[in-house]
Amino acid sequence: MPITIEEEKELKEKWLLEENRKKIEKEVISQTSQKPYIVISLVMTFIVIGAIILLEIFSPEGRDTSVTIALIVGLSATFTGTMFTLLKNQETHVMINNRLTKWMDNNSRAERAEGERVGVIRANARTDKLAEKRNSGE
């Protein structure tokens, strides 16, 4: 059974949307970097090590600092996890905004093309009416 023009247009639109989705996903994946995660991990590690060293240097002799060290490590782990979550949230936000922007651009182009098509149809109809009047008047 042959495909109608409308079905063909619908299939082309679905294919274009799928291709655009794939392109956007590739762009987002290529934009995602592990560098901020590594930097945060290293900075927090150095801060924890520095805090522990300072604690050991400035604590009075004979004082048990194991509880304070556990507190420093626990707080830094919590803070690091929170920072990772915020970074991932930002990446997701950027990805969604990129998809939304592309979708809006595609809709805008489709609406403009539809408007141009309707304009051509109306212009042709007007020209046909004028030609009819001219031919009937002669």
C-alpha atoms as a PDB file:
ATOM      1  CA  MET A   1       0.000   0.000   0.000  1.00  0.00           C
ATOM      2  CA  PRO A   2       1.556   3.317  -1.009  1.00  0.00           C
ATOM      3  CA  ILE A   3       2.288   5.975   1.582  1.00  0.00           C
ATOM      4  CA  THR A   4       0.311   9.200   1.343  1.00  0.00           C
ATOM      5  CA  ILE A   5       2.018  12.576   1.292  1.00  0.00           C
ATOM      6  CA  GLU A   6       0.786  13.357   4.807  1.00  0.00           C
ATOM      7  CA  GLU A   7       2.128  10.075   6.165  1.00  0.00           C
ATOM      8  CA  GLU A   8       5.442  10.733   4.450  1.00  0.00           C
ATOM      9  CA  LYS A   9       5.625  14.221   6.027  1.00  0.00           C
ATOM     10  CA  GLU A  10       4.796  12.746   9.434  1.00  0.00           C
ATOM     11  CA  LEU A  11       7.507  10.111   9.065  1.00  0.00           C
ATOM     12  CA  LYS A  12      10.035  12.771   8.030  1.00  0.00           C
ATOM     13  CA  GLU A  13       9.113  14.919  11.051  1.00  0.00           C
ATOM     14  CA  LYS A  14       9.527  11.955  13.404  1.00  0.00           C
ATOM     15  CA  TRP A  15      12.870  11.107  11.832  1.00  0.00           C
ATOM     16  CA  LEU A  16      14.057  14.738  12.109  1.00  0.00           C
ATOM     17  CA  LEU A  17      12.989  14.922  15.747  1.00  0.00           C
ATOM     18  CA  GLU A  18      14.845  11.691  16.493  1.00  0.00           C
ATOM     19  CA  GLU A  19      17.972  12.944  14.701  1.00  0.00           C
ATOM     20  CA  ASN A  20      17.835  16.241  16.612  1.00  0.00           C
ATOM     21  CA  ARG A  21      17.429  14.352  19.895  1.00  0.00           C
ATOM     22  CA  LYS A  22      20.494  12.244  19.117  1.00  0.00           C
ATOM     23  CA  LYS A  23      22.540  15.340  18.211  1.00  0.00           C
ATOM     24  CA  ILE A  24      21.531  17.093  21.423  1.00  0.00           C
ATOM     25  CA  GLU A  25      22.448  14.054  23.518  1.00  0.00           C
ATOM     26  CA  LYS A  26      25.863  13.868  21.836  1.00  0.00           C
ATOM     27  CA  GLU A  27      26.428  17.584  22.496  1.00  0.00           C
ATOM     28  CA  VAL A  28      25.457  17.265  26.134  1.00  0.00           C
ATOM     29  CA  ILE A  29      27.620  14.196  26.653  1.00  0.00           C
ATOM     30  CA  SER A  30      30.579  15.937  25.023  1.00  0.00           C
ATOM     31  CA  GLN A  31      30.005  19.010  27.217  1.00  0.00           C
ATOM     32  CA  THR A  32      29.934  16.945  30.397  1.00  0.00           C
ATOM     33  CA  SER A  33      33.348  17.035  31.986  1.00  0.00           C
ATOM     34  CA  GLN A  34      34.742  15.152  34.941  1.00  0.00           C
ATOM     35  CA  LYS A  35      37.183  17.961  35.727  1.00  0.00           C
ATOM     36  CA  PRO A  36      34.976  19.787  38.293  1.00  0.00           C
ATOM     37  CA  TYR A  37      34.415  16.555  40.201  1.00  0.00           C
ATOM     38  CA  ILE A  38      38.136  15.834  40.318  1.00  0.00           C
ATOM     39  CA  VAL A  39      38.925  19.413  41.386  1.00  0.00           C
ATOM     40  CA  ILE A  40      36.354  19.307  44.210  1.00  0.00           C
ATOM     41  CA  SER A  41      37.669  15.937  45.381  1.00  0.00           C
ATOM     42  CA  LEU A  42      41.267  17.154  45.428  1.00  0.00           C
ATOM     43  CA  VAL A  43      40.441  20.455  47.117  1.00  0.00           C
ATOM     44  CA  MET A  44      38.401  18.748  49.820  1.00  0.00           C
ATOM     45  CA  THR A  45      41.154  16.158  50.345  1.00  0.00           C
ATOM     46  CA  PHE A  46      43.756  18.897  50.814  1.00  0.00           C
ATOM     47  CA  ILE A  47      41.453  20.809  53.162  1.00  0.00           C
ATOM     48  CA  VAL A  48      40.857  17.700  55.281  1.00  0.00           C
ATOM     49  CA  ILE A  49      44.552  16.829  55.400  1.00  0.00           C
ATOM     50  CA  GLY A  50      45.420  20.427  56.266  1.00  0.00           C
ATOM     51  CA  ALA A  51      42.781  20.580  58.998  1.00  0.00           C
ATOM     52  CA  ILE A  52      44.010  17.324  60.521  1.00  0.00           C
ATOM     53  CA  ILE A  53      47.637  18.484  60.427  1.00  0.00           C
ATOM     54  CA  LEU A  54      46.709  21.834  62.021  1.00  0.00           C
ATOM     55  CA  LEU A  55      44.668  20.021  64.651  1.00  0.00           C
ATOM     56  CA  GLU A  56      47.588  17.770  65.529  1.00  0.00           C
ATOM     57  CA  ILE A  57      50.032  20.699  65.626  1.00  0.00           C
ATOM     58  CA  PHE A  58      47.922  23.019  67.777  1.00  0.00           C
ATOM     59  CA  SER A  59      46.173  20.531  70.067  1.00  0.00           C
ATOM     60  CA  PRO A  60      47.513  20.203  73.608  1.00  0.00           C
ATOM     61  CA  GLU A  61      49.761  17.243  74.371  1.00  0.00           C
ATOM     62  CA  GLY A  62      47.982  14.100  75.384  1.00  0.00           C
ATOM     63  CA  ARG A  63      44.574  15.167  74.066  1.00  0.00           C
ATOM     64  CA  ASP A  64      42.685  12.559  72.022  1.00  0.00           C
ATOM     65  CA  THR A  65      41.804  14.103  68.639  1.00  0.00           C
ATOM     66  CA  SER A  66      40.232  11.046  67.027  1.00  0.00           C
ATOM     67  CA  VAL A  67      36.676  12.324  67.523  1.00  0.00           C
ATOM     68  CA  THR A  68      37.557  15.711  66.015  1.00  0.00           C
ATOM     69  CA  ILE A  69      39.282  14.016  63.070  1.00  0.00           C
ATOM     70  CA  ALA A  70      36.214  11.830  62.481  1.00  0.00           C
ATOM     71  CA  LEU A  71      34.059  14.968  62.603  1.00  0.00           C
ATOM     72  CA  ILE A  72      36.270  16.737  60.046  1.00  0.00           C
ATOM     73  CA  VAL A  73      36.228  13.738  57.690  1.00  0.00           C
ATOM     74  CA  GLY A  74      32.469  13.267  58.074  1.00  0.00           C
ATOM     75  CA  LEU A  75      31.661  16.922  57.411  1.00  0.00           C
ATOM     76  CA  SER A  76      33.972  17.064  54.414  1.00  0.00           C
ATOM     77  CA  ALA A  77      32.426  13.893  52.958  1.00  0.00           C
ATOM     78  CA  THR A  78      28.955  15.399  53.363  1.00  0.00           C
ATOM     79  CA  PHE A  79      30.042  18.680  51.800  1.00  0.00           C
ATOM     80  CA  THR A  80      31.757  16.887  48.902  1.00  0.00           C
ATOM     81  CA  GLY A  81      28.637  14.808  48.214  1.00  0.00           C
ATOM     82  CA  THR A  82      26.522  17.949  48.270  1.00  0.00           C
ATOM     83  CA  MET A  83      28.835  19.663  45.789  1.00  0.00           C
ATOM     84  CA  PHE A  84      28.685  16.632  43.485  1.00  0.00           C
ATOM     85  CA  THR A  85      24.890  16.750  43.655  1.00  0.00           C
ATOM     86  CA  LEU A  86      24.835  20.455  42.811  1.00  0.00           C
ATOM     87  CA  LEU A  87      27.151  19.926  39.838  1.00  0.00           C
ATOM     88  CA  LYS A  88      25.008  17.086  38.518  1.00  0.00           C
ATOM     89  CA  ASN A  89      21.910  19.229  39.007  1.00  0.00           C
ATOM     90  CA  GLN A  90      23.517  22.023  36.988  1.00  0.00           C
ATOM     91  CA  GLU A  91      24.449  19.605  34.188  1.00  0.00           C
ATOM     92  CA  THR A  92      20.874  18.326  34.061  1.00  0.00           C
ATOM     93  CA  HIS A  93      19.556  21.891  33.990  1.00  0.00           C
ATOM     94  CA  VAL A  94      21.833  22.793  31.071  1.00  0.00           C
ATOM     95  CA  MET A  95      20.853  19.634  29.196  1.00  0.00           C
ATOM     96  CA  ILE A  96      17.134  20.334  29.601  1.00  0.00           C
ATOM     97  CA  ASN A  97      17.561  23.971  28.590  1.00  0.00           C
ATOM     98  CA  ASN A  98      19.494  22.901  25.480  1.00  0.00           C
ATOM     99  CA  ARG A  99      16.755  20.456  24.533  1.00  0.00           C
ATOM    100  CA  LEU A 100      14.048  23.026  25.173  1.00  0.00           C
ATOM    101  CA  THR A 101      15.868  25.642  23.084  1.00  0.00           C
ATOM    102  CA  LYS A 102      16.344  23.217  20.192  1.00  0.00           C
ATOM    103  CA  TRP A 103      12.699  22.151  20.434  1.00  0.00           C
ATOM    104  CA  MET A 104      11.522  25.775  20.388  1.00  0.00           C
ATOM    105  CA  ASP A 105      13.780  26.535  17.401  1.00  0.00           C
ATOM    106  CA  ASN A 106      12.399  23.527  15.525  1.00  0.00           C
ATOM    107  CA  ASN A 107       8.819  24.561  16.320  1.00  0.00           C
ATOM    108  CA  SER A 108       9.538  28.112  15.209  1.00  0.00           C
ATOM    109  CA  ARG A 109      10.954  26.902  11.893  1.00  0.00           C
ATOM    110  CA  ALA A 110       8.027  24.530  11.380  1.00  0.00           C
ATOM    111  CA  GLU A 111       5.490  27.267  12.132  1.00  0.00           C
ATOM    112  CA  ARG A 112       7.250  29.667   9.775  1.00  0.00           C
ATOM    113  CA  ALA A 113       7.312  27.068   7.009  1.00  0.00           C
ATOM    114  CA  GLU A 114       3.609  26.355   7.569  1.00  0.00           C
ATOM    115  CA  GLY A 115       2.872  30.089   7.475  1.00  0.00           C
ATOM    116  CA  GLU A 116       4.804  30.477   4.243  1.00  0.00           C
ATOM    117  CA  ARG A 117       2.934  27.518   2.739  1.00  0.00           C
ATOM    118  CA  VAL A 118      -0.420  29.006   3.753  1.00  0.00           C
ATOM    119  CA  GLY A 119       0.689  32.372   2.373  1.00  0.00           C
ATOM    120  CA  VAL A 120       1.578  30.798  -0.961  1.00  0.00           C
ATOM    121  CA  ILE A 121      -1.781  29.013  -1.098  1.00  0.00           C
ATOM    122  CA  ARG A 122      -3.651  32.252  -0.361  1.00  0.00           C
ATOM    123  CA  ALA A 123      -1.571  34.195  -2.872  1.00  0.00           C
ATOM    124  CA  ASN A 124      -2.261  31.564  -5.514  1.00  0.00           C
ATOM    125  CA  ALA A 125      -5.984  31.641  -4.720  1.00  0.00           C
ATOM    126  CA  ARG A 126      -6.014  35.460  -4.960  1.00  0.00           C
ATOM    127  CA  THR A 127      -4.144  35.353  -8.252  1.00  0.00           C
ATOM    128  CA  ASP A 128      -6.596  32.771  -9.580  1.00  0.00           C
ATOM    129  CA  LYS A 129      -9.551  34.963  -8.550  1.00  0.00           C
ATOM    130  CA  LEU A 130      -8.014  38.002 -10.228  1.00  0.00           C
ATOM    131  CA  ALA A 131      -7.330  35.984 -13.365  1.00  0.00           C
ATOM    132  CA  GLU A 132     -10.922  34.728 -13.314  1.00  0.00           C
ATOM    133  CA  LYS A 133     -12.287  38.275 -13.028  1.00  0.00           C
ATOM    134  CA  ARG A 134     -10.019  39.443 -15.786  1.00  0.00           C
ATOM    135  CA  ASN A 135     -11.004  36.540 -18.071  1.00  0.00           C
ATOM    136  CA  SER A 136     -14.714  36.913 -17.306  1.00  0.00           C
ATOM    137  CA  GLY A 137     -14.543  40.650 -17.980  1.00  0.00           C
ATOM    138  CA  GLU A 138     -13.065  40.208 -21.421  1.00  0.00           C
END
